[in-house]
């Protein structure tokens, strides 16, 4: 069994407050969960209105499939027309 983890760093352009940031991040999390059936969490312990980080985790028997799915999630987030931009992404796949 393989576990794939993705960390996405985001800049939320339209967030003037933490409430705006939270609304945008929650919308993004819901879309990723629905489309890719993946576990998604907000990773920021001390959130600033303009920055966010989310983590996505998937499980599979095939590490290539995991890598393709996590890269598809990055492309999906970049293609969304939410007021955010992907600043960095990090994918790690571990055999358990």
N, C-alpha and C. Protein backbone atom coordinates (compact mmCIF):
# COMPACT_ATOMS: atom_id res chain seq x y z
N UNK A 1 0.85 -1.18 0.00
CA UNK A 1 0.00 0.00 0.00
C UNK A 1 0.90 1.23 0.00
N UNK A 2 0.49 2.24 -0.77
CA UNK A 2 1.22 3.51 -0.86
C UNK A 2 0.32 4.65 -0.41
N UNK A 3 0.91 5.62 0.27
CA UNK A 3 0.20 6.81 0.71
C UNK A 3 0.86 8.01 0.04
N UNK A 4 0.05 8.83 -0.62
CA UNK A 4 0.54 10.02 -1.27
C UNK A 4 0.06 11.26 -0.54
N UNK A 5 0.98 12.17 -0.29
CA UNK A 5 0.65 13.42 0.39
C UNK A 5 1.05 14.60 -0.48
N UNK A 6 0.18 15.59 -0.52
CA UNK A 6 0.41 16.80 -1.30
C UNK A 6 0.23 17.99 -0.39
N UNK A 7 1.21 18.88 -0.39
CA UNK A 7 1.08 20.15 0.34
C UNK A 7 1.03 21.27 -0.69
N UNK A 8 0.01 22.09 -0.60
CA UNK A 8 -0.15 23.23 -1.51
C UNK A 8 -0.06 24.53 -0.72
N UNK A 9 0.83 25.40 -1.14
CA UNK A 9 0.90 26.75 -0.59
C UNK A 9 0.09 27.65 -1.51
N UNK A 10 -0.75 28.48 -0.92
CA UNK A 10 -1.66 29.31 -1.71
C UNK A 10 -1.58 30.77 -1.29
N UNK A 11 -1.79 31.65 -2.25
CA UNK A 11 -2.01 33.06 -1.98
C UNK A 11 -3.46 33.35 -2.32
N UNK A 12 -4.19 33.89 -1.34
CA UNK A 12 -5.61 34.21 -1.53
C UNK A 12 -5.69 35.70 -1.82
N UNK A 13 -5.91 36.06 -3.07
CA UNK A 13 -5.84 37.46 -3.49
C UNK A 13 -6.99 38.31 -2.97
N UNK A 14 -8.18 37.77 -2.90
CA UNK A 14 -9.35 38.57 -2.53
C UNK A 14 -9.66 38.54 -1.04
N UNK A 15 -8.77 38.01 -0.24
CA UNK A 15 -9.04 37.88 1.20
C UNK A 15 -8.61 39.13 1.95
N UNK A 16 -9.60 39.92 2.37
CA UNK A 16 -9.32 41.09 3.18
C UNK A 16 -9.37 40.75 4.67
N UNK A 17 -9.97 39.62 4.98
CA UNK A 17 -10.09 39.19 6.38
C UNK A 17 -9.93 37.68 6.46
N UNK A 18 -9.82 37.17 7.67
CA UNK A 18 -9.72 35.73 7.86
C UNK A 18 -11.00 35.03 7.42
N UNK A 19 -12.13 35.72 7.56
CA UNK A 19 -13.40 35.14 7.12
C UNK A 19 -13.41 34.93 5.61
N UNK A 20 -12.90 35.88 4.84
CA UNK A 20 -12.80 35.73 3.38
C UNK A 20 -11.87 34.58 3.01
N UNK A 21 -10.75 34.50 3.71
CA UNK A 21 -9.79 33.43 3.47
C UNK A 21 -10.41 32.07 3.76
N UNK A 22 -11.07 31.96 4.89
CA UNK A 22 -11.69 30.70 5.30
C UNK A 22 -12.74 30.25 4.29
N UNK A 23 -13.55 31.20 3.80
CA UNK A 23 -14.58 30.89 2.81
C UNK A 23 -13.96 30.33 1.53
N UNK A 24 -12.90 30.95 1.06
CA UNK A 24 -12.23 30.50 -0.17
C UNK A 24 -11.58 29.13 0.02
N UNK A 25 -10.91 28.94 1.15
CA UNK A 25 -10.22 27.66 1.41
C UNK A 25 -11.24 26.54 1.60
N UNK A 26 -12.33 26.80 2.29
CA UNK A 26 -13.37 25.78 2.48
C UNK A 26 -14.00 25.38 1.15
N UNK A 27 -14.21 26.34 0.27
CA UNK A 27 -14.73 26.04 -1.07
C UNK A 27 -13.76 25.16 -1.84
N UNK A 28 -12.48 25.49 -1.77
CA UNK A 28 -11.45 24.70 -2.45
C UNK A 28 -11.40 23.28 -1.88
N UNK A 29 -11.42 23.14 -0.57
CA UNK A 29 -11.37 21.82 0.06
C UNK A 29 -12.57 20.97 -0.37
N UNK A 30 -13.74 21.57 -0.38
CA UNK A 30 -14.96 20.84 -0.77
C UNK A 30 -14.87 20.37 -2.22
N UNK A 31 -14.38 21.21 -3.12
CA UNK A 31 -14.25 20.84 -4.54
C UNK A 31 -13.26 19.69 -4.74
N UNK A 32 -12.13 19.74 -4.05
CA UNK A 32 -11.12 18.69 -4.19
C UNK A 32 -11.66 17.37 -3.63
N UNK A 33 -12.31 17.43 -2.46
CA UNK A 33 -12.89 16.22 -1.88
C UNK A 33 -13.91 15.58 -2.81
N UNK A 34 -14.77 16.40 -3.39
CA UNK A 34 -15.84 15.90 -4.25
C UNK A 34 -15.28 15.30 -5.54
N UNK A 35 -14.36 15.99 -6.15
CA UNK A 35 -13.85 15.55 -7.47
C UNK A 35 -12.88 14.36 -7.37
N UNK A 36 -12.02 14.34 -6.34
CA UNK A 36 -10.95 13.34 -6.29
C UNK A 36 -11.10 12.33 -5.15
N UNK A 37 -12.12 12.45 -4.33
CA UNK A 37 -12.33 11.53 -3.21
C UNK A 37 -11.07 11.41 -2.37
N UNK A 38 -10.53 12.55 -1.95
CA UNK A 38 -9.29 12.61 -1.19
C UNK A 38 -9.54 13.30 0.14
N UNK A 39 -8.70 13.02 1.12
CA UNK A 39 -8.76 13.72 2.40
C UNK A 39 -8.04 15.06 2.25
N UNK A 40 -8.69 16.13 2.70
CA UNK A 40 -8.13 17.48 2.54
C UNK A 40 -8.23 18.21 3.88
N UNK A 41 -7.15 18.93 4.25
CA UNK A 41 -7.14 19.67 5.51
C UNK A 41 -6.45 21.02 5.32
N UNK A 42 -6.91 22.00 6.09
CA UNK A 42 -6.25 23.30 6.15
C UNK A 42 -5.07 23.15 7.10
N UNK A 43 -3.86 23.47 6.65
CA UNK A 43 -2.65 23.22 7.44
C UNK A 43 -2.15 24.43 8.22
N UNK A 44 -2.69 25.60 8.00
CA UNK A 44 -2.18 26.80 8.66
C UNK A 44 -2.62 26.87 10.11
N UNK A 45 -1.66 26.89 11.02
CA UNK A 45 -1.94 27.01 12.44
C UNK A 45 -2.24 28.47 12.81
N UNK A 46 -1.53 29.40 12.20
CA UNK A 46 -1.73 30.83 12.45
C UNK A 46 -2.01 31.50 11.12
N UNK A 47 -3.25 31.44 10.65
CA UNK A 47 -3.55 31.91 9.29
C UNK A 47 -3.46 33.42 9.13
N UNK A 48 -2.83 33.83 8.06
CA UNK A 48 -2.84 35.22 7.63
C UNK A 48 -3.87 35.32 6.51
N UNK A 49 -4.56 36.44 6.36
CA UNK A 49 -5.62 36.53 5.36
C UNK A 49 -5.18 36.24 3.93
N UNK A 50 -3.97 36.57 3.56
CA UNK A 50 -3.55 36.41 2.16
C UNK A 50 -2.84 35.09 1.88
N UNK A 51 -2.54 34.29 2.90
CA UNK A 51 -1.82 33.04 2.68
C UNK A 51 -2.58 31.86 3.25
N UNK A 52 -2.41 30.71 2.60
CA UNK A 52 -3.04 29.49 3.08
C UNK A 52 -2.19 28.30 2.66
N UNK A 53 -2.39 27.20 3.35
CA UNK A 53 -1.74 25.94 2.99
C UNK A 53 -2.74 24.83 3.24
N UNK A 54 -2.85 23.93 2.27
CA UNK A 54 -3.73 22.78 2.46
C UNK A 54 -2.93 21.51 2.21
N UNK A 55 -3.38 20.44 2.84
CA UNK A 55 -2.78 19.14 2.64
C UNK A 55 -3.81 18.19 2.06
N UNK A 56 -3.37 17.35 1.14
CA UNK A 56 -4.24 16.36 0.50
C UNK A 56 -3.57 15.00 0.62
N UNK A 57 -4.35 13.98 1.00
CA UNK A 57 -3.79 12.64 1.17
C UNK A 57 -4.65 11.64 0.41
N UNK A 58 -3.99 10.71 -0.31
CA UNK A 58 -4.65 9.64 -1.06
C UNK A 58 -3.92 8.33 -0.79
N UNK A 59 -4.63 7.22 -0.97
CA UNK A 59 -4.07 5.89 -0.77
C UNK A 59 -4.32 5.06 -2.03
N UNK A 60 -3.30 4.26 -2.43
CA UNK A 60 -3.43 3.40 -3.61
C UNK A 60 -2.40 2.29 -3.54
N UNK A 61 -2.61 1.27 -4.35
CA UNK A 61 -1.61 0.20 -4.48
C UNK A 61 -0.52 0.56 -5.48
N UNK A 62 -0.78 1.53 -6.35
CA UNK A 62 0.14 1.89 -7.42
C UNK A 62 0.70 3.31 -7.19
N UNK A 63 2.01 3.45 -6.95
CA UNK A 63 2.57 4.78 -6.70
C UNK A 63 2.48 5.71 -7.91
N UNK A 64 2.52 5.15 -9.12
CA UNK A 64 2.39 6.00 -10.33
C UNK A 64 1.00 6.61 -10.40
N UNK A 65 -0.01 5.83 -10.03
CA UNK A 65 -1.38 6.35 -10.03
C UNK A 65 -1.52 7.46 -8.99
N UNK A 66 -0.91 7.27 -7.83
CA UNK A 66 -0.94 8.31 -6.79
C UNK A 66 -0.29 9.59 -7.29
N UNK A 67 0.87 9.46 -7.90
CA UNK A 67 1.57 10.63 -8.41
C UNK A 67 0.72 11.35 -9.45
N UNK A 68 0.11 10.60 -10.36
CA UNK A 68 -0.74 11.20 -11.39
C UNK A 68 -1.95 11.89 -10.77
N UNK A 69 -2.55 11.26 -9.76
CA UNK A 69 -3.73 11.85 -9.13
C UNK A 69 -3.37 13.14 -8.39
N UNK A 70 -2.26 13.13 -7.66
CA UNK A 70 -1.87 14.34 -6.93
C UNK A 70 -1.48 15.46 -7.89
N UNK A 71 -0.83 15.13 -8.99
CA UNK A 71 -0.52 16.16 -9.99
C UNK A 71 -1.80 16.69 -10.66
N UNK A 72 -2.78 15.82 -10.84
CA UNK A 72 -4.06 16.26 -11.39
C UNK A 72 -4.76 17.22 -10.42
N UNK A 73 -4.59 16.99 -9.13
CA UNK A 73 -5.18 17.89 -8.13
C UNK A 73 -4.52 19.26 -8.21
N UNK A 74 -3.20 19.30 -8.36
CA UNK A 74 -2.50 20.59 -8.50
C UNK A 74 -3.02 21.32 -9.74
N UNK A 75 -3.13 20.62 -10.86
CA UNK A 75 -3.63 21.24 -12.09
C UNK A 75 -5.07 21.71 -11.93
N UNK A 76 -5.89 20.93 -11.23
CA UNK A 76 -7.28 21.28 -10.98
C UNK A 76 -7.37 22.58 -10.17
N UNK A 77 -6.57 22.69 -9.12
CA UNK A 77 -6.59 23.89 -8.27
C UNK A 77 -6.11 25.10 -9.07
N UNK A 78 -5.07 24.92 -9.88
CA UNK A 78 -4.56 26.03 -10.69
C UNK A 78 -5.59 26.48 -11.73
N UNK A 79 -6.42 25.57 -12.21
CA UNK A 79 -7.41 25.90 -13.24
C UNK A 79 -8.70 26.49 -12.67
N UNK A 80 -8.92 26.35 -11.37
CA UNK A 80 -10.13 26.90 -10.77
C UNK A 80 -10.13 28.43 -10.88
N UNK A 81 -11.30 28.98 -10.96
CA UNK A 81 -11.41 30.43 -11.06
C UNK A 81 -11.75 31.04 -9.71
N UNK A 82 -11.15 30.51 -8.66
CA UNK A 82 -11.25 31.13 -7.35
C UNK A 82 -10.17 32.20 -7.28
N UNK A 83 -10.28 33.10 -6.31
CA UNK A 83 -9.30 34.17 -6.18
C UNK A 83 -8.08 33.70 -5.40
N UNK A 84 -7.42 32.67 -5.93
CA UNK A 84 -6.21 32.17 -5.29
C UNK A 84 -5.20 31.71 -6.31
N UNK A 85 -3.96 31.62 -5.86
CA UNK A 85 -2.85 31.23 -6.73
C UNK A 85 -1.99 30.21 -5.98
N UNK A 86 -1.57 29.16 -6.67
CA UNK A 86 -0.69 28.16 -6.07
C UNK A 86 0.73 28.72 -6.07
N UNK A 87 1.31 28.87 -4.89
CA UNK A 87 2.67 29.40 -4.79
C UNK A 87 3.71 28.29 -4.75
N UNK A 88 3.35 27.15 -4.16
CA UNK A 88 4.25 25.99 -4.18
C UNK A 88 3.45 24.71 -3.95
N UNK A 89 4.02 23.62 -4.41
CA UNK A 89 3.42 22.31 -4.16
C UNK A 89 4.52 21.31 -3.88
N UNK A 90 4.23 20.37 -3.03
CA UNK A 90 5.19 19.32 -2.67
C UNK A 90 4.46 17.99 -2.58
N UNK A 91 4.92 17.02 -3.35
CA UNK A 91 4.30 15.70 -3.36
C UNK A 91 5.27 14.70 -2.75
N UNK A 92 4.77 13.86 -1.88
CA UNK A 92 5.57 12.80 -1.29
C UNK A 92 4.76 11.51 -1.28
N UNK A 93 5.37 10.43 -1.72
CA UNK A 93 4.71 9.14 -1.76
C UNK A 93 5.52 8.16 -0.91
N UNK A 94 4.83 7.49 0.02
CA UNK A 94 5.48 6.60 0.97
C UNK A 94 4.84 5.22 0.87
N UNK A 95 5.67 4.19 0.89
CA UNK A 95 5.15 2.83 0.93
C UNK A 95 4.97 2.42 2.38
N UNK A 96 3.78 1.91 2.69
CA UNK A 96 3.46 1.50 4.05
C UNK A 96 3.39 0.00 4.14
